[in-house]
N, C-alpha and C. Protein backbone atom coordinates (compact mmCIF):
# COMPACT_ATOMS: atom_id res chain seq x y z
N MET A 1 24.14 3.51 34.20
CA MET A 1 22.32 3.51 33.80
C MET A 1 22.76 4.40 32.62
N ARG A 2 23.26 5.59 32.61
CA ARG A 2 23.39 6.85 31.51
C ARG A 2 23.13 6.33 30.17
N PHE A 3 23.62 5.08 30.25
CA PHE A 3 23.34 4.43 28.54
C PHE A 3 22.37 4.43 27.73
N VAL A 4 21.08 4.07 28.56
CA VAL A 4 19.86 4.08 28.25
C VAL A 4 19.52 5.96 27.71
N LEU A 5 19.94 6.69 28.73
CA LEU A 5 19.72 8.16 28.25
C LEU A 5 20.52 8.51 26.94
N ILE A 6 21.44 7.98 26.92
CA ILE A 6 22.24 8.37 25.56
C ILE A 6 21.53 7.65 24.75
N ALA A 7 21.28 6.13 24.79
CA ALA A 7 20.99 5.26 23.68
C ALA A 7 19.91 5.94 23.25
N VAL A 8 18.74 6.28 23.87
CA VAL A 8 17.75 6.62 23.58
C VAL A 8 17.25 8.09 23.31
N MET A 9 18.39 9.01 23.34
CA MET A 9 18.46 9.71 22.75
C MET A 9 17.97 10.55 21.52
N ALA A 10 18.20 9.61 20.56
CA ALA A 10 17.87 9.37 19.02
C ALA A 10 16.48 9.81 19.15
N PHE A 11 15.74 9.41 20.01
CA PHE A 11 14.34 9.62 20.05
C PHE A 11 13.61 10.74 20.76
N VAL A 12 14.41 11.65 21.08
CA VAL A 12 14.27 12.71 21.84
C VAL A 12 14.17 13.74 20.39
N LEU A 13 15.17 13.35 19.45
CA LEU A 13 15.65 14.73 18.57
C LEU A 13 13.75 14.17 17.21
N ALA A 14 14.01 15.27 16.67
CA ALA A 14 12.77 15.40 15.59
C ALA A 14 13.66 14.53 14.20
N VAL A 15 12.47 13.89 13.78
CA VAL A 15 12.68 12.73 12.58
C VAL A 15 12.18 13.70 11.24
N THR A 16 12.96 13.81 10.51
CA THR A 16 12.45 14.55 9.16
C THR A 16 12.93 13.55 8.02
N ALA A 17 12.05 13.62 6.60
CA ALA A 17 12.37 12.95 5.69
C ALA A 17 11.62 13.55 4.61
N GLY A 18 12.23 13.42 3.48
CA GLY A 18 11.28 13.66 2.22
C GLY A 18 10.68 12.59 1.26
N CYS A 19 9.94 11.89 2.13
CA CYS A 19 9.75 10.40 1.47
C CYS A 19 7.86 10.75 1.58
N GLY A 20 7.79 10.03 0.80
CA GLY A 20 6.02 10.18 0.32
C GLY A 20 5.05 9.25 1.05
N SER A 21 5.30 8.03 0.31
CA SER A 21 4.08 6.77 0.57
C SER A 21 5.27 5.64 1.17
N ASP A 22 6.32 5.79 1.91
CA ASP A 22 7.27 4.76 2.33
C ASP A 22 6.07 4.37 3.58
N PRO A 23 6.03 3.26 3.78
CA PRO A 23 5.25 2.88 5.31
C PRO A 23 6.07 2.72 6.08
N VAL A 24 7.12 2.62 6.37
CA VAL A 24 8.33 2.57 7.46
C VAL A 24 8.55 3.71 8.06
N ALA A 25 9.08 4.68 7.01
CA ALA A 25 9.36 6.27 7.20
C ALA A 25 8.13 6.52 7.84
N GLU A 26 6.73 6.50 7.35
CA GLU A 26 5.55 7.11 8.16
C GLU A 26 5.70 6.23 9.58
N ASP A 27 5.87 5.26 9.70
CA ASP A 27 5.45 4.37 11.11
C ASP A 27 6.38 5.11 11.97
N ILE A 28 7.76 5.28 11.31
CA ILE A 28 8.73 5.80 12.10
C ILE A 28 8.18 7.59 12.48
N LYS A 29 7.50 7.94 12.06
CA LYS A 29 7.47 9.48 12.30
C LYS A 29 6.01 9.54 13.07
N SER A 30 4.95 8.37 13.22
CA SER A 30 4.48 8.26 14.23
C SER A 30 5.01 7.74 15.38
N TYR A 31 5.81 6.78 15.36
CA TYR A 31 6.50 6.41 16.66
C TYR A 31 7.35 7.25 17.50
N VAL A 32 8.09 8.15 16.87
CA VAL A 32 9.23 8.79 17.73
C VAL A 32 8.33 9.86 18.54
N PRO A 33 7.11 10.22 18.39
CA PRO A 33 6.41 10.94 19.33
C PRO A 33 5.81 10.35 20.14
N LYS A 34 5.32 9.16 19.94
CA LYS A 34 5.27 8.10 21.09
C LYS A 34 5.99 7.59 21.93
N VAL A 35 7.36 7.61 21.97
CA VAL A 35 8.28 7.24 22.56
C VAL A 35 8.99 8.85 23.65
N GLN A 36 8.70 9.89 22.26
CA GLN A 36 9.16 10.76 23.34
C GLN A 36 8.26 11.15 24.64
N GLU A 37 6.95 10.73 24.29
CA GLU A 37 6.36 11.22 25.63
C GLU A 37 6.44 10.44 27.29
N ILE A 38 6.85 9.32 26.67
CA ILE A 38 7.33 8.46 27.75
C ILE A 38 8.48 8.61 28.31
N LEU A 39 9.64 9.01 27.56
CA LEU A 39 10.85 8.87 27.83
C LEU A 39 11.27 9.66 29.24
N PRO A 40 10.24 10.59 29.42
CA PRO A 40 10.57 11.59 30.96
C PRO A 40 10.49 10.45 32.13
N LEU A 41 9.39 9.30 31.82
CA LEU A 41 9.48 8.34 33.15
C LEU A 41 10.83 7.39 33.34
N ALA A 42 11.37 7.24 32.06
CA ALA A 42 12.58 6.11 32.21
C ALA A 42 13.98 7.19 32.65
N ASN A 43 13.45 8.79 32.06
CA ASN A 43 14.77 9.30 32.66
C ASN A 43 14.66 9.68 33.96
N GLU A 44 13.50 9.96 34.25
CA GLU A 44 13.18 10.23 35.88
C GLU A 44 13.90 9.21 36.99
N ALA A 45 13.43 7.82 36.54
CA ALA A 45 13.78 7.00 37.25
C ALA A 45 15.24 6.50 37.04
N GLN A 46 15.68 6.68 36.17
CA GLN A 46 17.49 6.59 35.65
C GLN A 46 18.27 7.52 36.66
N ASN A 47 17.59 8.61 36.41
CA ASN A 47 18.29 9.62 37.43
C ASN A 47 18.00 9.77 38.92
N ALA A 48 17.24 9.29 39.08
CA ALA A 48 17.28 8.95 40.97
C ALA A 48 18.00 7.53 41.21
N PHE A 49 17.65 6.77 40.07
CA PHE A 49 18.70 5.38 40.47
C PHE A 49 20.11 6.16 40.41
N LEU A 50 20.68 7.29 39.61
CA LEU A 50 22.15 7.74 39.63
C LEU A 50 22.26 8.47 41.05
N LYS A 51 21.61 9.16 41.72
CA LYS A 51 21.60 10.16 42.43
C LYS A 51 21.50 9.46 44.07
N GLY A 52 20.31 8.57 43.77
CA GLY A 52 20.22 7.49 45.19
C GLY A 52 20.05 8.48 46.34
N GLY A 53 21.40 8.56 47.16
CA GLY A 53 20.91 9.46 48.60
C GLY A 53 22.56 9.20 49.08
N SER A 54 22.70 9.83 49.93
CA SER A 54 23.85 9.43 50.86
C SER A 54 24.17 8.38 52.07
N SER A 55 23.24 7.71 52.04
CA SER A 55 22.94 6.43 52.87
C SER A 55 22.56 5.44 51.74
N ASP A 56 22.87 3.94 52.16
CA ASP A 56 22.58 3.06 51.67
C ASP A 56 20.87 2.92 51.80
N GLU A 57 20.22 3.49 53.49
CA GLU A 57 18.88 3.57 53.28
C GLU A 57 17.94 4.49 52.33
N GLU A 58 18.61 5.64 52.02
CA GLU A 58 18.36 6.56 51.56
C GLU A 58 18.10 5.83 49.78
N ARG A 59 18.97 5.48 49.44
CA ARG A 59 19.06 4.76 48.30
C ARG A 59 18.36 3.92 47.88
N LEU A 60 18.00 2.88 48.85
CA LEU A 60 16.93 2.00 48.88
C LEU A 60 15.63 2.03 48.43
N LYS A 61 15.46 3.32 49.65
CA LYS A 61 14.23 3.83 49.66
C LYS A 61 13.77 4.83 48.36
N THR A 62 14.94 5.61 47.57
CA THR A 62 14.63 5.60 46.38
C THR A 62 14.45 4.67 45.19
N ILE A 63 15.08 3.70 45.45
CA ILE A 63 14.50 2.67 44.26
C ILE A 63 13.06 2.14 44.84
N ASP A 64 13.00 2.08 46.02
CA ASP A 64 11.50 1.91 46.12
C ASP A 64 10.52 2.65 45.53
N SER A 65 10.43 3.80 46.18
CA SER A 65 9.74 4.96 45.82
C SER A 65 9.69 5.12 44.61
N ILE A 66 10.64 5.45 44.11
CA ILE A 66 10.83 6.77 42.68
C ILE A 66 10.84 5.24 41.49
N VAL A 67 12.40 5.11 41.53
CA VAL A 67 13.11 3.93 40.22
C VAL A 67 12.04 2.99 40.08
N VAL A 68 11.63 2.28 40.92
CA VAL A 68 11.22 0.85 40.23
C VAL A 68 9.46 1.30 39.68
N PRO A 69 8.90 2.06 40.47
CA PRO A 69 7.42 2.45 40.11
C PRO A 69 7.45 3.38 38.65
N ARG A 70 8.43 4.10 38.68
CA ARG A 70 8.37 4.56 37.36
C ARG A 70 9.01 4.24 36.02
N TYR A 71 9.97 3.00 37.01
CA TYR A 71 10.29 2.26 35.42
C TYR A 71 9.05 1.34 35.19
N LYS A 72 8.17 1.18 36.08
CA LYS A 72 7.43 0.02 35.80
C LYS A 72 6.08 0.73 34.88
N GLU A 73 5.94 2.09 35.27
CA GLU A 73 4.77 2.78 34.54
C GLU A 73 5.71 2.98 32.99
N PHE A 74 6.85 3.30 32.56
CA PHE A 74 7.53 3.28 31.70
C PHE A 74 7.54 1.88 30.60
N ILE A 75 7.52 0.93 31.14
CA ILE A 75 7.51 0.28 30.57
C ILE A 75 6.27 -0.53 30.18
N SER A 76 4.76 -0.35 31.04
CA SER A 76 3.67 -0.21 30.49
C SER A 76 3.43 0.63 29.71
N LYS A 77 3.61 1.43 29.25
CA LYS A 77 3.55 2.32 28.37
C LYS A 77 4.08 2.42 26.90
N LEU A 78 5.11 1.75 27.21
CA LEU A 78 5.94 1.10 25.93
C LEU A 78 5.27 0.29 25.46
N GLU A 79 4.43 -0.86 26.42
CA GLU A 79 4.37 -2.26 25.50
C GLU A 79 3.19 -1.85 24.98
N GLN A 80 2.43 -0.43 25.24
CA GLN A 80 1.18 -0.03 24.89
C GLN A 80 1.68 0.33 23.32
N ILE A 81 2.85 1.07 23.05
CA ILE A 81 2.88 1.29 21.66
C ILE A 81 3.13 0.23 20.65
N ARG A 82 2.56 0.05 19.73
CA ARG A 82 1.99 -0.61 18.94
C ARG A 82 2.67 -0.32 17.22
N PRO A 83 3.89 -0.14 16.68
CA PRO A 83 4.47 -0.12 15.43
C PRO A 83 3.97 -0.84 14.09
N GLN A 84 3.44 -0.81 13.60
CA GLN A 84 2.46 -0.70 12.28
C GLN A 84 3.44 -1.83 11.33
N THR A 85 4.60 -1.61 10.97
CA THR A 85 5.53 -2.05 10.01
C THR A 85 6.31 -3.06 11.12
N LYS A 86 6.56 -4.37 10.20
CA LYS A 86 7.43 -5.13 10.56
C LYS A 86 8.60 -4.78 11.45
N GLU A 87 9.49 -4.03 10.59
CA GLU A 87 10.47 -3.63 10.64
C GLU A 87 10.73 -2.73 11.89
N LEU A 88 9.85 -1.79 11.87
CA LEU A 88 9.71 -1.15 13.23
C LEU A 88 9.44 -1.93 14.58
N ARG A 89 8.46 -3.03 14.34
CA ARG A 89 7.95 -3.69 15.58
C ARG A 89 9.06 -4.29 15.77
N ASP A 90 10.12 -5.15 15.35
CA ASP A 90 11.16 -5.95 15.60
C ASP A 90 11.91 -5.29 16.86
N LEU A 91 12.22 -4.18 15.93
CA LEU A 91 13.08 -3.26 16.58
C LEU A 91 12.52 -2.77 18.41
N HIS A 92 11.15 -2.42 18.10
CA HIS A 92 10.46 -2.01 19.62
C HIS A 92 10.46 -3.05 20.32
N GLU A 93 10.66 -4.37 19.73
CA GLU A 93 10.34 -5.51 20.96
C GLU A 93 12.13 -5.52 21.39
N ILE A 94 12.90 -5.51 20.72
CA ILE A 94 14.37 -5.38 20.93
C ILE A 94 14.43 -4.18 22.47
N TYR A 95 13.69 -3.00 22.31
CA TYR A 95 13.63 -1.95 22.95
C TYR A 95 12.91 -2.58 24.75
N ILE A 96 11.91 -3.13 24.64
CA ILE A 96 10.85 -4.05 25.24
C ILE A 96 11.49 -4.49 26.01
N LYS A 97 12.59 -5.49 25.35
CA LYS A 97 13.28 -6.38 26.23
C LYS A 97 14.32 -5.71 26.97
N SER A 98 15.23 -4.86 26.62
CA SER A 98 16.25 -3.74 27.03
C SER A 98 15.54 -3.23 28.34
N ALA A 99 14.27 -3.20 28.26
CA ALA A 99 14.06 -2.31 29.32
C ALA A 99 13.50 -3.02 30.22
N ASN A 100 12.39 -4.06 30.07
CA ASN A 100 12.41 -5.09 31.19
C ASN A 100 13.88 -5.72 31.39
N LYS A 101 14.73 -6.06 30.93
CA LYS A 101 16.15 -6.16 32.09
C LYS A 101 16.35 -5.29 33.03
N GLU A 102 16.60 -3.76 32.18
CA GLU A 102 16.86 -3.09 33.46
C GLU A 102 15.61 -2.77 34.47
N TYR A 103 14.72 -3.12 34.39
CA TYR A 103 13.84 -2.97 35.52
C TYR A 103 13.77 -4.32 36.48
N SER A 104 13.93 -5.72 36.14
CA SER A 104 14.32 -6.50 36.62
C SER A 104 15.69 -6.31 37.56
N ALA A 105 16.47 -5.47 36.97
CA ALA A 105 17.51 -5.40 37.87
C ALA A 105 17.57 -4.25 39.11
N TYR A 106 16.55 -3.23 38.71
CA TYR A 106 16.55 -2.47 39.91
C TYR A 106 15.38 -2.95 40.54
N SER A 107 14.78 -3.93 40.31
CA SER A 107 13.58 -4.59 41.24
C SER A 107 14.63 -5.72 42.14
N GLN A 108 15.63 -5.69 41.50
CA GLN A 108 16.40 -6.99 42.40
C GLN A 108 17.05 -6.18 43.80
N ILE A 109 16.99 -5.00 43.61
CA ILE A 109 18.14 -4.50 44.39
C ILE A 109 17.03 -4.06 45.68
N ASN A 110 17.66 -4.46 46.89
CA ASN A 110 17.11 -4.55 48.09
C ASN A 110 18.17 -4.32 49.19
N SER A 111 17.80 -4.28 50.21
CA SER A 111 19.38 -4.64 51.14
C SER A 111 19.50 -5.94 51.15
N VAL A 112 18.84 -6.92 51.24
CA VAL A 112 19.24 -8.30 51.00
C VAL A 112 19.74 -8.88 49.80
N SER A 113 19.28 -8.43 48.21
CA SER A 113 20.00 -8.87 47.49
C SER A 113 21.19 -8.09 46.70
N VAL A 114 21.38 -7.20 47.46
CA VAL A 114 22.47 -6.12 46.90
C VAL A 114 23.35 -7.07 47.35
N LEU A 115 23.44 -7.71 48.33
CA LEU A 115 24.74 -8.74 48.94
C LEU A 115 24.72 -9.84 48.24
N THR A 116 23.44 -10.73 48.37
CA THR A 116 23.84 -11.63 47.61
C THR A 116 23.35 -11.90 45.98
N ASN A 117 22.83 -10.90 45.56
CA ASN A 117 22.89 -10.95 43.72
C ASN A 117 23.65 -9.95 42.70
N ILE A 118 24.53 -9.33 43.48
CA ILE A 118 25.23 -8.17 42.81
C ILE A 118 25.65 -8.24 41.14
N GLY A 119 26.35 -9.85 41.32
CA GLY A 119 26.33 -10.42 40.31
C GLY A 119 25.58 -10.39 39.20
N GLN A 120 23.53 -11.00 39.63
CA GLN A 120 23.12 -11.05 38.57
C GLN A 120 22.59 -9.94 37.84
N ILE A 121 22.72 -8.86 39.24
CA ILE A 121 21.81 -7.32 38.96
C ILE A 121 23.22 -7.14 37.79
N ASN A 122 24.56 -6.88 38.16
CA ASN A 122 24.84 -6.01 37.33
C ASN A 122 25.01 -6.92 35.46
N ASP A 123 24.89 -8.13 36.00
CA ASP A 123 24.75 -8.94 34.18
C ASP A 123 23.28 -8.35 33.84
N ALA A 124 22.60 -8.16 34.60
CA ALA A 124 20.69 -7.69 33.82
C ALA A 124 21.16 -6.64 33.33
N LEU A 125 22.21 -6.05 34.06
CA LEU A 125 22.17 -4.22 33.69
C LEU A 125 22.96 -4.53 32.20
N ALA A 126 24.19 -5.04 32.53
CA ALA A 126 24.78 -5.07 31.06
C ALA A 126 23.98 -5.90 30.00
N GLU A 127 23.17 -6.64 30.09
CA GLU A 127 22.46 -7.33 28.98
C GLU A 127 21.37 -6.46 28.68
N SER A 128 20.98 -5.35 29.35
CA SER A 128 20.47 -4.53 29.14
C SER A 128 21.34 -3.31 28.15
N ARG A 129 21.95 -3.11 28.50
CA ARG A 129 22.91 -2.41 27.86
C ARG A 129 23.05 -2.58 25.83
N ALA A 130 23.68 -4.33 26.00
CA ALA A 130 23.50 -4.88 24.72
C ALA A 130 22.58 -4.60 24.34
N GLU A 131 21.27 -4.47 24.34
CA GLU A 131 19.97 -4.88 23.76
C GLU A 131 19.89 -3.38 23.60
N MET A 132 20.20 -3.11 24.30
CA MET A 132 19.69 -1.01 23.73
C MET A 132 20.72 -0.99 22.55
N ARG A 133 22.35 -1.14 22.27
CA ARG A 133 22.92 -0.91 21.34
C ARG A 133 22.36 -1.65 20.01
N LYS A 134 22.09 -2.87 20.33
CA LYS A 134 21.48 -3.23 19.04
C LYS A 134 20.27 -2.80 18.85
N TYR A 135 19.15 -2.23 19.36
CA TYR A 135 18.30 -1.37 19.19
C TYR A 135 18.76 0.04 18.25
N ASN A 136 19.18 0.77 18.82
CA ASN A 136 19.98 1.91 18.76
C ASN A 136 20.68 1.70 17.10
N ASP A 137 21.02 0.25 17.01
CA ASP A 137 22.33 0.12 15.67
C ASP A 137 21.14 0.09 14.63
N GLY A 138 20.11 -0.91 14.84
CA GLY A 138 18.76 -1.16 14.07
C GLY A 138 18.20 -0.20 13.89
N VAL A 139 17.72 0.78 14.78
CA VAL A 139 17.15 2.38 14.36
C VAL A 139 17.84 3.06 13.13
N ALA A 140 19.34 3.33 13.49
CA ALA A 140 20.01 3.76 12.48
C ALA A 140 19.84 3.31 11.15
N GLU A 141 20.36 1.95 11.34
CA GLU A 141 20.00 1.24 9.99
C GLU A 141 18.68 1.47 9.56
N LEU A 142 17.56 1.21 10.04
CA LEU A 142 16.06 1.62 9.37
C LEU A 142 16.33 3.27 8.87
N LEU A 143 16.81 4.16 9.72
CA LEU A 143 16.86 5.38 9.21
C LEU A 143 17.40 5.55 7.85
N LYS A 144 18.35 5.07 7.86
CA LYS A 144 19.37 5.31 6.65
C LYS A 144 18.57 4.20 5.69
N GLN A 145 18.08 3.47 5.87
CA GLN A 145 17.57 2.17 4.48
C GLN A 145 16.02 3.86 4.18
N HIS A 146 15.49 4.03 4.64
CA HIS A 146 14.19 5.00 4.38
C HIS A 146 14.56 6.34 4.06
N GLY A 147 15.91 6.88 3.80
CA GLY A 147 16.25 8.24 4.03
C GLY A 147 16.09 9.07 4.99
N LEU A 148 15.92 9.10 6.15
CA LEU A 148 15.16 9.32 6.82
C LEU A 148 16.92 10.19 7.78
N LYS A 149 16.50 11.29 8.23
CA LYS A 149 18.00 12.24 9.23
C LYS A 149 17.20 12.48 10.12
N ILE A 150 18.32 12.37 11.36
CA ILE A 150 17.89 12.94 12.57
C ILE A 150 18.35 14.40 13.01
N VAL A 151 17.68 15.24 13.17
CA VAL A 151 18.34 16.56 13.25
C VAL A 151 17.79 16.89 14.40
N PRO A 152 18.89 17.93 15.44
CA PRO A 152 17.90 18.30 16.60
C PRO A 152 16.98 19.14 16.53
N PRO A 153 16.02 19.00 17.65
CA PRO A 153 14.96 19.90 17.53
C PRO A 153 15.10 21.33 17.47
N SER A 154 14.58 22.23 17.00
CA SER A 154 13.89 23.82 17.02
C SER A 154 13.85 23.93 18.12
N THR A 155 14.74 25.34 18.40
CA THR A 155 14.92 25.73 19.66
C THR A 155 13.83 27.05 19.84
N LYS A 156 13.19 27.24 19.05
CA LYS A 156 12.05 28.03 18.84
C LYS A 156 10.91 28.53 19.75
């Protein structure tokens, strides 16, 4: 699950550019803070999933009470973000698709399904990781095309 933390880390960073009237660049600058605002929900869900608990019962309780509700809220807010340009909109749809696959995998985990659906759960998580890589590659290319650079946020 750490893949999403690493994959979306680029969006936790500040975006800078020396562009004037580039609509895609302006859209990216508007998009980044919106994603930053909701990432804590996804991070909380993923961290809870990774930590789980010391018993199967605790892990299932954590998934039901923290992981699934937080990730569902994350997706709801992610779907409300509406990039203005086609280039960014297309990438954002990949992000939504990846998040939905991950959510689906989390939602399938319960005491019965773990035993019968572990292959499907693992497949959904693998597909989510593949979509996230596609999204990250697309964002990197879009930034490059529009002369944008990702720099670490200021520590001021």
